[in-house]
Amino acid sequence: MILGGVFWPLVIVGLLVLLPAAASRVLPQLLRFAVLFSLPIAISALLVNLFFYPGAQTVIFRLGPITATAEGLSFAIEILCRIAAISGAVTLFYLTTKPSELVLDLERRGVPARLAFVANASVQTVPAMAERAQVIVAAQRARGLNTEGSVWRRIRGIVPIVGPVMLGSIAEVEERSMTLESRGFTHPGRRDLLWSPPDALWQRLLRWLLVVGLVGVTIAHFVGWL
């Protein structure tokens, strides 16, 4: 966002997203999930800027009452590069970071246990609900529910699935709350962690280098050096 343009976002995607993904052997999954994650907003950004960019003069083509402009296309490409960097980074984090290790590391760095638990629950909510929905769909099909065919039939098949998914989520929240309470989760004071994720010296140096680089680029942007 600070560097702008097309070149630097693509450099960030290549060096900080695709290269680590290839080293972690999750590149195919990253490409698939990142595209699915960013496709709706990317299409919207492309159409809005291509046809409705303010103050544009260079016309590419006309489609009825709206006009596609070169300035809008150029800005849309910049937006798409930024979206690729953001979605790729988020997907890479999701594919390479275990929620349990994230929570332990947050607690090790002084984050309250409640906040760390909320972060863990937020990360695991969507996969847990998707897995529960698949189990319920399989169970409903075994009982004779037809969820294939026309669009209307599929819509009708959603109703018997949504209820069990929501009720199951509520029941799981209650069971998890009771389990945490029985294990002394609400006990005041800092907990003693028996294990923490390994954190090599080069990893710490790389993180600080990224932070310093971000601050430097931000200052250079506002000073006018970029």
C-alpha atoms as a PDB file:
ATOM      1  CA  MET A   1       0.000   0.000   0.000  1.00  0.00           C
ATOM      2  CA  ILE A   2       2.844   2.406   0.812  1.00  0.00           C
ATOM      3  CA  LEU A   3       5.061   1.623  -2.165  1.00  0.00           C
ATOM      4  CA  GLY A   4       2.194   1.610  -4.677  1.00  0.00           C
ATOM      5  CA  GLY A   5       2.611   0.875  -8.338  1.00  0.00           C
ATOM      6  CA  VAL A   6       2.849  -2.580  -9.874  1.00  0.00           C
ATOM      7  CA  PHE A   7       6.518  -3.517  -9.568  1.00  0.00           C
ATOM      8  CA  TRP A   8       6.987  -3.494  -5.796  1.00  0.00           C
ATOM      9  CA  PRO A   9       3.783  -5.380  -4.914  1.00  0.00           C
ATOM     10  CA  LEU A  10       4.805  -8.080  -7.390  1.00  0.00           C
ATOM     11  CA  VAL A  11       8.281  -8.207  -5.821  1.00  0.00           C
ATOM     12  CA  ILE A  12       6.666  -8.653  -2.411  1.00  0.00           C
ATOM     13  CA  VAL A  13       4.426 -11.419  -3.766  1.00  0.00           C
ATOM     14  CA  GLY A  14       7.392 -13.212  -5.304  1.00  0.00           C
ATOM     15  CA  LEU A  15       9.901 -12.907  -2.458  1.00  0.00           C
ATOM     16  CA  LEU A  16       7.663 -12.934   0.623  1.00  0.00           C
ATOM     17  CA  VAL A  17       4.727 -15.091  -0.513  1.00  0.00           C
ATOM     18  CA  LEU A  18       5.514 -17.440  -3.403  1.00  0.00           C
ATOM     19  CA  LEU A  19       9.111 -18.246  -2.405  1.00  0.00           C
ATOM     20  CA  PRO A  20       8.260 -19.124   1.235  1.00  0.00           C
ATOM     21  CA  ALA A  21       5.212 -21.071   0.030  1.00  0.00           C
ATOM     22  CA  ALA A  22       7.395 -23.116  -2.309  1.00  0.00           C
ATOM     23  CA  ALA A  23       9.904 -23.735   0.497  1.00  0.00           C
ATOM     24  CA  SER A  24       7.043 -24.860   2.761  1.00  0.00           C
ATOM     25  CA  ARG A  25       5.587 -27.082  -0.007  1.00  0.00           C
ATOM     26  CA  VAL A  26       2.191 -25.375   0.101  1.00  0.00           C
ATOM     27  CA  LEU A  27       2.431 -23.438  -3.165  1.00  0.00           C
ATOM     28  CA  PRO A  28      -0.408 -25.279  -5.007  1.00  0.00           C
ATOM     29  CA  GLN A  29      -2.781 -24.869  -2.053  1.00  0.00           C
ATOM     30  CA  LEU A  30      -1.790 -21.225  -1.663  1.00  0.00           C
ATOM     31  CA  LEU A  31      -2.492 -20.409  -5.300  1.00  0.00           C
ATOM     32  CA  ARG A  32      -5.879 -22.127  -5.187  1.00  0.00           C
ATOM     33  CA  PHE A  33      -7.048 -20.633  -1.881  1.00  0.00           C
ATOM     34  CA  ALA A  34      -5.658 -17.159  -2.585  1.00  0.00           C
ATOM     35  CA  VAL A  35      -7.459 -16.975  -5.925  1.00  0.00           C
ATOM     36  CA  LEU A  36     -10.753 -18.137  -4.400  1.00  0.00           C
ATOM     37  CA  PHE A  37     -10.301 -15.751  -1.477  1.00  0.00           C
ATOM     38  CA  SER A  38      -9.583 -12.660  -3.569  1.00  0.00           C
ATOM     39  CA  LEU A  39     -11.556 -13.322  -6.761  1.00  0.00           C
ATOM     40  CA  PRO A  40     -14.842 -11.556  -5.801  1.00  0.00           C
ATOM     41  CA  ILE A  41     -13.180  -8.354  -4.588  1.00  0.00           C
ATOM     42  CA  ALA A  42     -10.687  -8.449  -7.467  1.00  0.00           C
ATOM     43  CA  ILE A  43     -13.472  -8.609 -10.067  1.00  0.00           C
ATOM     44  CA  SER A  44     -15.320  -5.794  -8.302  1.00  0.00           C
ATOM     45  CA  ALA A  45     -12.208  -3.590  -8.122  1.00  0.00           C
ATOM     46  CA  LEU A  46     -11.425  -4.225 -11.789  1.00  0.00           C
ATOM     47  CA  LEU A  47     -14.908  -3.335 -13.047  1.00  0.00           C
ATOM     48  CA  VAL A  48     -15.389  -0.277 -10.812  1.00  0.00           C
ATOM     49  CA  ASN A  49     -12.030   1.286 -11.679  1.00  0.00           C
ATOM     50  CA  LEU A  50     -12.104   0.311 -15.353  1.00  0.00           C
ATOM     51  CA  PHE A  51     -15.490   1.894 -16.039  1.00  0.00           C
ATOM     52  CA  PHE A  52     -15.902   4.536 -13.326  1.00  0.00           C
ATOM     53  CA  TYR A  53     -12.441   5.950 -12.649  1.00  0.00           C
ATOM     54  CA  PRO A  54     -12.879   9.698 -11.966  1.00  0.00           C
ATOM     55  CA  GLY A  55     -11.231  12.228 -14.266  1.00  0.00           C
ATOM     56  CA  ALA A  56     -10.098   9.664 -16.864  1.00  0.00           C
ATOM     57  CA  GLN A  57      -9.637  10.911 -20.444  1.00  0.00           C
ATOM     58  CA  THR A  58      -8.209   8.053 -22.545  1.00  0.00           C
ATOM     59  CA  VAL A  59     -11.052   5.866 -23.823  1.00  0.00           C
ATOM     60  CA  ILE A  60     -10.363   2.199 -24.566  1.00  0.00           C
ATOM     61  CA  PHE A  61     -13.878   1.144 -25.584  1.00  0.00           C
ATOM     62  CA  ARG A  62     -17.496   1.945 -24.850  1.00  0.00           C
ATOM     63  CA  LEU A  63     -20.098  -0.460 -23.541  1.00  0.00           C
ATOM     64  CA  GLY A  64     -23.452   1.240 -23.814  1.00  0.00           C
ATOM     65  CA  PRO A  65     -23.570   4.250 -21.469  1.00  0.00           C
ATOM     66  CA  ILE A  66     -20.325   3.375 -19.676  1.00  0.00           C
ATOM     67  CA  THR A  67     -16.765   3.865 -20.873  1.00  0.00           C
ATOM     68  CA  ALA A  68     -13.605   1.887 -20.157  1.00  0.00           C
ATOM     69  CA  THR A  69     -10.556   4.105 -19.746  1.00  0.00           C
ATOM     70  CA  ALA A  70      -6.803   3.504 -19.796  1.00  0.00           C
ATOM     71  CA  GLU A  71      -6.327   5.401 -16.525  1.00  0.00           C
ATOM     72  CA  GLY A  72      -8.924   3.220 -14.846  1.00  0.00           C
ATOM     73  CA  LEU A  73      -7.308   0.054 -16.193  1.00  0.00           C
ATOM     74  CA  SER A  74      -3.887   1.165 -14.944  1.00  0.00           C
ATOM     75  CA  PHE A  75      -5.211   1.892 -11.457  1.00  0.00           C
ATOM     76  CA  ALA A  76      -7.197  -1.363 -11.451  1.00  0.00           C
ATOM     77  CA  ILE A  77      -4.013  -3.331 -12.194  1.00  0.00           C
ATOM     78  CA  GLU A  78      -2.312  -1.645  -9.233  1.00  0.00           C
ATOM     79  CA  ILE A  79      -5.233  -2.582  -6.988  1.00  0.00           C
ATOM     80  CA  LEU A  80      -5.133  -6.182  -8.219  1.00  0.00           C
ATOM     81  CA  CYS A  81      -1.422  -6.413  -7.386  1.00  0.00           C
ATOM     82  CA  ARG A  82      -2.116  -5.171  -3.861  1.00  0.00           C
ATOM     83  CA  ILE A  83      -4.976  -7.632  -3.458  1.00  0.00           C
ATOM     84  CA  ALA A  84      -2.680 -10.441  -4.605  1.00  0.00           C
ATOM     85  CA  ALA A  85      -0.089  -9.474  -1.998  1.00  0.00           C
ATOM     86  CA  ILE A  86      -2.644  -9.248   0.818  1.00  0.00           C
ATOM     87  CA  SER A  87      -4.550 -12.437  -0.010  1.00  0.00           C
ATOM     88  CA  GLY A  88      -1.321 -14.340  -0.612  1.00  0.00           C
ATOM     89  CA  ALA A  89       0.149 -13.264   2.732  1.00  0.00           C
ATOM     90  CA  VAL A  90      -3.027 -14.131   4.650  1.00  0.00           C
ATOM     91  CA  THR A  91      -3.294 -17.523   2.934  1.00  0.00           C
ATOM     92  CA  LEU A  92       0.381 -18.293   3.543  1.00  0.00           C
ATOM     93  CA  PHE A  93      -0.046 -17.527   7.237  1.00  0.00           C
ATOM     94  CA  TYR A  94      -3.104 -19.768   7.401  1.00  0.00           C
ATOM     95  CA  LEU A  95      -1.419 -22.696   5.636  1.00  0.00           C
ATOM     96  CA  THR A  96       1.873 -22.610   7.553  1.00  0.00           C
ATOM     97  CA  THR A  97       0.863 -21.602  11.095  1.00  0.00           C
ATOM     98  CA  LYS A  98      -0.759 -24.079  13.457  1.00  0.00           C
ATOM     99  CA  PRO A  99      -3.379 -22.398  15.687  1.00  0.00           C
ATOM    100  CA  SER A 100      -2.089 -24.210  18.778  1.00  0.00           C
ATOM    101  CA  GLU A 101       1.459 -22.939  18.209  1.00  0.00           C
ATOM    102  CA  LEU A 102       0.141 -19.435  17.534  1.00  0.00           C
ATOM    103  CA  VAL A 103      -1.719 -19.397  20.847  1.00  0.00           C
ATOM    104  CA  LEU A 104       1.261 -20.684  22.827  1.00  0.00           C
ATOM    105  CA  ASP A 105       3.598 -18.170  21.251  1.00  0.00           C
ATOM    106  CA  LEU A 106       1.177 -15.315  21.937  1.00  0.00           C
ATOM    107  CA  GLU A 107       0.994 -16.334  25.594  1.00  0.00           C
ATOM    108  CA  ARG A 108       4.778 -16.650  25.759  1.00  0.00           C
ATOM    109  CA  ARG A 109       5.079 -13.059  24.582  1.00  0.00           C
ATOM    110  CA  GLY A 110       2.765 -11.794  27.314  1.00  0.00           C
ATOM    111  CA  VAL A 111      -0.616 -11.771  25.575  1.00  0.00           C
ATOM    112  CA  PRO A 112      -3.433 -12.581  28.061  1.00  0.00           C
ATOM    113  CA  ALA A 113      -4.727 -16.134  27.857  1.00  0.00           C
ATOM    114  CA  ARG A 114      -8.272 -14.972  27.116  1.00  0.00           C
ATOM    115  CA  LEU A 115      -7.150 -12.914  24.120  1.00  0.00           C
ATOM    116  CA  ALA A 116      -4.988 -15.757  22.836  1.00  0.00           C
ATOM    117  CA  PHE A 117      -7.940 -18.143  23.138  1.00  0.00           C
ATOM    118  CA  VAL A 118     -10.153 -15.743  21.185  1.00  0.00           C
ATOM    119  CA  ALA A 119      -7.523 -15.615  18.417  1.00  0.00           C
ATOM    120  CA  ASN A 120      -7.346 -19.414  18.342  1.00  0.00           C
ATOM    121  CA  ALA A 121     -11.135 -19.785  18.265  1.00  0.00           C
ATOM    122  CA  SER A 122     -11.413 -17.230  15.445  1.00  0.00           C
ATOM    123  CA  VAL A 123      -8.918 -19.137  13.306  1.00  0.00           C
ATOM    124  CA  GLN A 124     -10.555 -22.513  13.925  1.00  0.00           C
ATOM    125  CA  THR A 125     -14.208 -21.459  13.602  1.00  0.00           C
ATOM    126  CA  VAL A 126     -14.589 -21.671   9.816  1.00  0.00           C
ATOM    127  CA  PRO A 127     -12.736 -25.011   9.346  1.00  0.00           C
ATOM    128  CA  ALA A 128     -14.633 -26.548  12.284  1.00  0.00           C
ATOM    129  CA  MET A 129     -18.012 -25.452  10.930  1.00  0.00           C
ATOM    130  CA  ALA A 130     -17.121 -26.667   7.426  1.00  0.00           C
ATOM    131  CA  GLU A 131     -16.108 -30.074   8.798  1.00  0.00           C
ATOM    132  CA  ARG A 132     -19.273 -30.296  10.884  1.00  0.00           C
ATOM    133  CA  ALA A 133     -21.386 -29.348   7.851  1.00  0.00           C
ATOM    134  CA  GLN A 134     -19.813 -32.137   5.786  1.00  0.00           C
ATOM    135  CA  VAL A 135     -20.593 -34.694   8.496  1.00  0.00           C
ATOM    136  CA  ILE A 136     -24.199 -33.477   8.739  1.00  0.00           C
ATOM    137  CA  VAL A 137     -24.627 -33.530   4.946  1.00  0.00           C
ATOM    138  CA  ALA A 138     -23.372 -37.116   4.833  1.00  0.00           C
ATOM    139  CA  ALA A 139     -25.746 -38.080   7.650  1.00  0.00           C
ATOM    140  CA  GLN A 140     -28.718 -36.370   5.969  1.00  0.00           C
ATOM    141  CA  ARG A 141     -27.963 -38.067   2.656  1.00  0.00           C
ATOM    142  CA  ALA A 142     -27.812 -41.422   4.431  1.00  0.00           C
ATOM    143  CA  ARG A 143     -31.350 -40.668   5.689  1.00  0.00           C
ATOM    144  CA  GLY A 144     -32.583 -39.982   2.158  1.00  0.00           C
ATOM    145  CA  LEU A 145     -32.135 -36.213   1.816  1.00  0.00           C
ATOM    146  CA  ASN A 146     -31.464 -35.238  -1.802  1.00  0.00           C
ATOM    147  CA  THR A 147     -29.109 -32.257  -2.052  1.00  0.00           C
ATOM    148  CA  GLU A 148     -28.213 -32.650  -5.721  1.00  0.00           C
ATOM    149  CA  GLY A 149     -29.980 -31.555  -8.883  1.00  0.00           C
ATOM    150  CA  SER A 150     -31.683 -28.223  -9.562  1.00  0.00           C
ATOM    151  CA  VAL A 151     -30.895 -24.983  -7.767  1.00  0.00           C
ATOM    152  CA  TRP A 152     -34.222 -25.014  -5.924  1.00  0.00           C
ATOM    153  CA  ARG A 153     -33.595 -28.555  -4.678  1.00  0.00           C
ATOM    154  CA  ARG A 154     -30.176 -27.551  -3.392  1.00  0.00           C
ATOM    155  CA  ILE A 155     -31.642 -24.519  -1.630  1.00  0.00           C
ATOM    156  CA  ARG A 156     -34.253 -26.731   0.047  1.00  0.00           C
ATOM    157  CA  GLY A 157     -31.474 -29.113   1.089  1.00  0.00           C
ATOM    158  CA  ILE A 158     -29.691 -26.312   2.965  1.00  0.00           C
ATOM    159  CA  VAL A 159     -32.499 -25.852   5.501  1.00  0.00           C
ATOM    160  CA  PRO A 160     -32.123 -29.281   7.196  1.00  0.00           C
ATOM    161  CA  ILE A 161     -28.358 -28.677   7.391  1.00  0.00           C
ATOM    162  CA  VAL A 162     -28.202 -25.155   8.822  1.00  0.00           C
ATOM    163  CA  GLY A 163     -30.129 -26.011  11.988  1.00  0.00           C
ATOM    164  CA  PRO A 164     -27.901 -28.914  13.116  1.00  0.00           C
ATOM    165  CA  VAL A 165     -24.757 -26.937  12.252  1.00  0.00           C
ATOM    166  CA  MET A 166     -25.820 -23.963  14.412  1.00  0.00           C
ATOM    167  CA  LEU A 167     -27.063 -26.138  17.286  1.00  0.00           C
ATOM    168  CA  GLY A 168     -23.880 -28.193  17.156  1.00  0.00           C
ATOM    169  CA  SER A 169     -21.758 -25.032  17.285  1.00  0.00           C
ATOM    170  CA  ILE A 170     -23.677 -23.763  20.328  1.00  0.00           C
ATOM    171  CA  ALA A 171     -23.321 -27.119  22.083  1.00  0.00           C
ATOM    172  CA  GLU A 172     -19.600 -27.184  21.306  1.00  0.00           C
ATOM    173  CA  VAL A 173     -19.154 -23.710  22.777  1.00  0.00           C
ATOM    174  CA  GLU A 174     -20.843 -24.840  25.986  1.00  0.00           C
ATOM    175  CA  GLU A 175     -18.748 -28.012  26.197  1.00  0.00           C
ATOM    176  CA  ARG A 176     -15.546 -26.078  25.527  1.00  0.00           C
ATOM    177  CA  SER A 177     -16.413 -23.493  28.169  1.00  0.00           C
ATOM    178  CA  MET A 178     -17.011 -26.201  30.769  1.00  0.00           C
ATOM    179  CA  THR A 179     -13.774 -27.944  29.817  1.00  0.00           C
ATOM    180  CA  LEU A 180     -11.761 -24.738  30.117  1.00  0.00           C
ATOM    181  CA  GLU A 181     -13.379 -23.935  33.449  1.00  0.00           C
ATOM    182  CA  SER A 182     -12.555 -27.381  34.826  1.00  0.00           C
ATOM    183  CA  ARG A 183      -8.920 -26.907  33.808  1.00  0.00           C
ATOM    184  CA  GLY A 184      -8.578 -23.572  35.597  1.00  0.00           C
ATOM    185  CA  PHE A 185      -8.582 -21.369  32.511  1.00  0.00           C
ATOM    186  CA  THR A 186     -10.053 -18.408  34.407  1.00  0.00           C
ATOM    187  CA  HIS A 187      -7.518 -18.684  37.250  1.00  0.00           C
ATOM    188  CA  PRO A 188      -5.736 -15.320  37.665  1.00  0.00           C
ATOM    189  CA  GLY A 189      -2.045 -14.969  36.988  1.00  0.00           C
ATOM    190  CA  ARG A 190       0.275 -16.036  34.218  1.00  0.00           C
ATOM    191  CA  ARG A 191       0.420 -19.704  33.292  1.00  0.00           C
ATOM    192  CA  ASP A 192       3.646 -21.728  33.069  1.00  0.00           C
ATOM    193  CA  LEU A 193       3.994 -22.993  29.519  1.00  0.00           C
ATOM    194  CA  LEU A 194       5.589 -26.422  29.126  1.00  0.00           C
ATOM    195  CA  TRP A 195       6.459 -25.905  25.447  1.00  0.00           C
ATOM    196  CA  SER A 196       6.898 -23.044  23.012  1.00  0.00           C
ATOM    197  CA  PRO A 197       7.543 -22.997  19.261  1.00  0.00           C
ATOM    198  CA  PRO A 198      11.224 -22.827  18.261  1.00  0.00           C
ATOM    199  CA  ASP A 199      12.380 -19.326  17.394  1.00  0.00           C
ATOM    200  CA  ALA A 200      15.802 -19.252  15.742  1.00  0.00           C
ATOM    201  CA  LEU A 201      18.074 -16.221  15.809  1.00  0.00           C
ATOM    202  CA  TRP A 202      17.789 -15.679  12.048  1.00  0.00           C
ATOM    203  CA  GLN A 203      13.999 -15.652  12.350  1.00  0.00           C
ATOM    204  CA  ARG A 204      14.095 -12.941  15.016  1.00  0.00           C
ATOM    205  CA  LEU A 205      16.549 -10.903  12.958  1.00  0.00           C
ATOM    206  CA  LEU A 206      14.371 -11.261   9.868  1.00  0.00           C
ATOM    207  CA  ARG A 207      11.268 -10.067  11.756  1.00  0.00           C
ATOM    208  CA  TRP A 208      13.066  -7.011  13.098  1.00  0.00           C
ATOM    209  CA  LEU A 209      14.474  -6.332   9.617  1.00  0.00           C
ATOM    210  CA  LEU A 210      10.937  -6.384   8.200  1.00  0.00           C
ATOM    211  CA  VAL A 211       9.706  -4.009  10.919  1.00  0.00           C
ATOM    212  CA  VAL A 212      12.606  -1.604  10.379  1.00  0.00           C
ATOM    213  CA  GLY A 213      12.100  -1.786   6.619  1.00  0.00           C
ATOM    214  CA  LEU A 214       8.395  -1.005   6.969  1.00  0.00           C
ATOM    215  CA  VAL A 215       9.119   2.012   9.186  1.00  0.00           C
ATOM    216  CA  GLY A 216      11.813   3.214   6.781  1.00  0.00           C
ATOM    217  CA  VAL A 217       9.577   2.891   3.726  1.00  0.00           C
ATOM    218  CA  THR A 218       6.766   4.713   5.543  1.00  0.00           C
ATOM    219  CA  ILE A 219       9.032   7.613   6.501  1.00  0.00           C
ATOM    220  CA  ALA A 220      10.479   7.798   2.966  1.00  0.00           C
ATOM    221  CA  HIS A 221       6.940   7.875   1.527  1.00  0.00           C
ATOM    222  CA  PHE A 222       5.754  10.773   3.682  1.00  0.00           C
ATOM    223  CA  VAL A 223       9.014  12.701   3.312  1.00  0.00           C
ATOM    224  CA  GLY A 224       8.731  12.426  -0.464  1.00  0.00           C
ATOM    225  CA  TRP A 225      11.711  10.221  -1.266  1.00  0.00           C
ATOM    226  CA  LEU A 226       9.473   7.621  -2.976  1.00  0.00           C
END
